[in-house]
Amino acid sequence: MNVVIRKIGNSEGVIIPKEVLDRLGLKAGDELELVTNNGGMQMQPVEADFSRQIEHANRFMDKYKIALKKLAE
């Protein structure tokens, strides 16, 4: 399947066809990991558990930003 790299704002992007998204169970807002290898690239869904853990860690760090900063001194 061929796709075209398109200008999107100040970046470029690829539109993933709906039938591919449906087949993989993906939707807008889902995260993909992009890996380059041997002159090519591969995208795969980021594990939901890991994303949830990162989201939780970010909320924790925001909540305790001052305490973490003092501990780092």
N, C-alpha and C. Protein backbone atom coordinates (compact mmCIF):
# COMPACT_ATOMS: atom_id res chain seq x y z
N MET A 1 0.86 -1.17 0.00
CA MET A 1 0.00 0.00 0.00
C MET A 1 0.90 1.23 0.00
N ASN A 2 0.67 2.14 -0.90
CA ASN A 2 1.43 3.37 -0.98
C ASN A 2 0.66 4.51 -0.34
N VAL A 3 1.38 5.38 0.38
CA VAL A 3 0.81 6.60 0.94
C VAL A 3 1.74 7.74 0.57
N VAL A 4 1.25 8.96 0.67
CA VAL A 4 2.02 10.14 0.29
C VAL A 4 2.33 10.96 1.54
N ILE A 5 3.57 11.44 1.64
CA ILE A 5 3.93 12.35 2.73
C ILE A 5 3.36 13.71 2.38
N ARG A 6 2.57 14.28 3.31
CA ARG A 6 1.90 15.55 3.07
C ARG A 6 2.36 16.60 4.07
N LYS A 7 2.28 17.85 3.66
CA LYS A 7 2.59 18.97 4.54
C LYS A 7 1.43 19.15 5.52
N ILE A 8 1.74 19.18 6.82
CA ILE A 8 0.73 19.38 7.86
C ILE A 8 1.30 20.45 8.80
N GLY A 9 0.87 21.69 8.64
CA GLY A 9 1.44 22.79 9.42
C GLY A 9 2.90 22.96 9.07
N ASN A 10 3.77 22.98 10.09
CA ASN A 10 5.21 23.10 9.86
C ASN A 10 5.89 21.74 9.76
N SER A 11 5.11 20.67 9.75
CA SER A 11 5.66 19.32 9.71
C SER A 11 5.16 18.60 8.46
N GLU A 12 5.55 17.37 8.35
CA GLU A 12 5.01 16.49 7.32
C GLU A 12 4.40 15.28 8.01
N GLY A 13 3.45 14.65 7.34
CA GLY A 13 2.81 13.49 7.93
C GLY A 13 2.26 12.57 6.87
N VAL A 14 1.84 11.42 7.33
CA VAL A 14 1.26 10.40 6.46
C VAL A 14 -0.15 10.13 6.95
N ILE A 15 -1.10 10.07 6.05
CA ILE A 15 -2.47 9.72 6.39
C ILE A 15 -2.58 8.20 6.35
N ILE A 16 -3.00 7.62 7.46
CA ILE A 16 -3.17 6.17 7.51
C ILE A 16 -4.60 5.86 7.08
N PRO A 17 -4.76 5.05 6.05
CA PRO A 17 -6.11 4.74 5.55
C PRO A 17 -7.00 4.11 6.63
N LYS A 18 -8.30 4.45 6.57
CA LYS A 18 -9.27 3.99 7.56
C LYS A 18 -9.30 2.46 7.67
N GLU A 19 -9.21 1.76 6.55
CA GLU A 19 -9.27 0.30 6.61
C GLU A 19 -8.08 -0.28 7.39
N VAL A 20 -6.92 0.37 7.33
CA VAL A 20 -5.76 -0.09 8.11
C VAL A 20 -6.01 0.18 9.59
N LEU A 21 -6.50 1.38 9.91
CA LEU A 21 -6.81 1.70 11.31
C LEU A 21 -7.83 0.73 11.88
N ASP A 22 -8.88 0.45 11.12
CA ASP A 22 -9.92 -0.49 11.57
C ASP A 22 -9.34 -1.88 11.80
N ARG A 23 -8.50 -2.35 10.88
CA ARG A 23 -7.91 -3.68 10.98
C ARG A 23 -7.04 -3.81 12.23
N LEU A 24 -6.35 -2.70 12.60
CA LEU A 24 -5.45 -2.73 13.75
C LEU A 24 -6.13 -2.27 15.04
N GLY A 25 -7.39 -1.85 14.94
CA GLY A 25 -8.12 -1.40 16.12
C GLY A 25 -7.60 -0.07 16.66
N LEU A 26 -7.13 0.80 15.77
CA LEU A 26 -6.59 2.10 16.18
C LEU A 26 -7.58 3.21 15.87
N LYS A 27 -7.43 4.33 16.60
CA LYS A 27 -8.28 5.49 16.36
C LYS A 27 -7.48 6.75 16.62
N ALA A 28 -8.04 7.90 16.27
CA ALA A 28 -7.38 9.18 16.50
C ALA A 28 -7.04 9.32 17.97
N GLY A 29 -5.83 9.76 18.26
CA GLY A 29 -5.39 9.93 19.64
C GLY A 29 -4.55 8.77 20.16
N ASP A 30 -4.62 7.61 19.50
CA ASP A 30 -3.78 6.48 19.91
C ASP A 30 -2.32 6.81 19.58
N GLU A 31 -1.40 6.30 20.40
CA GLU A 31 0.02 6.55 20.18
C GLU A 31 0.66 5.40 19.43
N LEU A 32 1.59 5.76 18.53
CA LEU A 32 2.37 4.78 17.81
C LEU A 32 3.84 5.01 18.10
N GLU A 33 4.60 3.94 18.17
CA GLU A 33 6.05 4.03 18.30
C GLU A 33 6.63 3.92 16.89
N LEU A 34 7.54 4.82 16.54
CA LEU A 34 8.18 4.81 15.22
C LEU A 34 9.62 4.36 15.40
N VAL A 35 9.98 3.29 14.71
CA VAL A 35 11.34 2.74 14.78
C VAL A 35 11.92 2.74 13.38
N THR A 36 13.15 3.23 13.25
CA THR A 36 13.81 3.19 11.95
C THR A 36 14.84 2.07 11.98
N ASN A 37 14.94 1.37 10.86
CA ASN A 37 15.92 0.29 10.75
C ASN A 37 16.20 -0.03 9.29
N ASN A 38 17.46 -0.28 8.99
CA ASN A 38 17.88 -0.67 7.63
C ASN A 38 17.28 0.20 6.54
N GLY A 39 17.25 1.52 6.76
CA GLY A 39 16.74 2.43 5.74
C GLY A 39 15.23 2.47 5.65
N GLY A 40 14.53 1.79 6.54
CA GLY A 40 13.07 1.80 6.53
C GLY A 40 12.54 2.24 7.88
N MET A 41 11.24 2.14 8.03
CA MET A 41 10.63 2.47 9.32
C MET A 41 9.47 1.54 9.60
N GLN A 42 9.18 1.40 10.89
CA GLN A 42 8.09 0.55 11.33
C GLN A 42 7.34 1.29 12.43
N MET A 43 6.02 1.25 12.37
CA MET A 43 5.19 1.85 13.42
C MET A 43 4.40 0.75 14.09
N GLN A 44 4.30 0.84 15.41
CA GLN A 44 3.48 -0.12 16.14
C GLN A 44 2.82 0.59 17.31
N PRO A 45 1.63 0.12 17.69
CA PRO A 45 0.93 0.76 18.80
C PRO A 45 1.75 0.69 20.08
N VAL A 46 1.72 1.77 20.85
CA VAL A 46 2.37 1.79 22.16
C VAL A 46 1.46 1.03 23.11
N GLU A 47 2.06 0.22 23.97
CA GLU A 47 1.26 -0.55 24.91
C GLU A 47 0.46 0.38 25.81
N ALA A 48 -0.82 0.11 25.94
CA ALA A 48 -1.72 0.96 26.73
C ALA A 48 -1.27 1.04 28.18
N ASP A 49 -0.79 -0.07 28.75
CA ASP A 49 -0.35 -0.08 30.14
C ASP A 49 0.80 0.88 30.36
N PHE A 50 1.77 0.87 29.45
CA PHE A 50 2.92 1.74 29.58
C PHE A 50 2.49 3.20 29.45
N SER A 51 1.64 3.50 28.50
CA SER A 51 1.15 4.87 28.33
C SER A 51 0.42 5.34 29.58
N ARG A 52 -0.37 4.47 30.16
CA ARG A 52 -1.10 4.80 31.38
C ARG A 52 -0.13 5.07 32.53
N GLN A 53 0.92 4.28 32.61
CA GLN A 53 1.92 4.46 33.66
C GLN A 53 2.64 5.80 33.49
N ILE A 54 2.99 6.15 32.28
CA ILE A 54 3.66 7.42 32.01
C ILE A 54 2.73 8.57 32.36
N GLU A 55 1.48 8.46 31.98
CA GLU A 55 0.48 9.50 32.29
C GLU A 55 0.36 9.68 33.81
N HIS A 56 0.31 8.58 34.53
CA HIS A 56 0.21 8.63 36.00
C HIS A 56 1.47 9.26 36.59
N ALA A 57 2.64 8.89 36.09
CA ALA A 57 3.90 9.45 36.58
C ALA A 57 3.94 10.96 36.34
N ASN A 58 3.49 11.41 35.18
CA ASN A 58 3.46 12.85 34.89
C ASN A 58 2.53 13.60 35.85
N ARG A 59 1.36 13.02 36.13
CA ARG A 59 0.44 13.66 37.08
C ARG A 59 1.07 13.72 38.47
N PHE A 60 1.73 12.64 38.89
CA PHE A 60 2.39 12.60 40.19
C PHE A 60 3.48 13.67 40.28
N MET A 61 4.30 13.78 39.21
CA MET A 61 5.39 14.76 39.23
C MET A 61 4.85 16.19 39.23
N ASP A 62 3.76 16.42 38.53
CA ASP A 62 3.15 17.75 38.56
C ASP A 62 2.62 18.06 39.95
N LYS A 63 1.98 17.09 40.58
CA LYS A 63 1.37 17.29 41.89
C LYS A 63 2.43 17.57 42.96
N TYR A 64 3.55 16.86 42.89
CA TYR A 64 4.60 16.97 43.91
C TYR A 64 5.86 17.65 43.38
N LYS A 65 5.68 18.57 42.44
CA LYS A 65 6.80 19.25 41.79
C LYS A 65 7.73 19.92 42.80
N ILE A 66 7.18 20.65 43.76
CA ILE A 66 7.99 21.38 44.74
C ILE A 66 8.78 20.40 45.62
N ALA A 67 8.10 19.38 46.12
CA ALA A 67 8.78 18.40 46.97
C ALA A 67 9.88 17.67 46.20
N LEU A 68 9.64 17.30 44.97
CA LEU A 68 10.64 16.61 44.16
C LEU A 68 11.83 17.52 43.88
N LYS A 69 11.56 18.79 43.65
CA LYS A 69 12.63 19.76 43.40
C LYS A 69 13.52 19.89 44.64
N LYS A 70 12.90 19.98 45.83
CA LYS A 70 13.67 20.08 47.08
C LYS A 70 14.48 18.81 47.32
N LEU A 71 13.91 17.66 47.03
CA LEU A 71 14.64 16.40 47.20
C LEU A 71 15.84 16.30 46.26
N ALA A 72 15.73 16.93 45.10
CA ALA A 72 16.81 16.85 44.12
C ALA A 72 17.99 17.75 44.48
N GLU A 73 17.80 18.67 45.42
CA GLU A 73 18.88 19.60 45.79
C GLU A 73 19.95 18.94 46.61
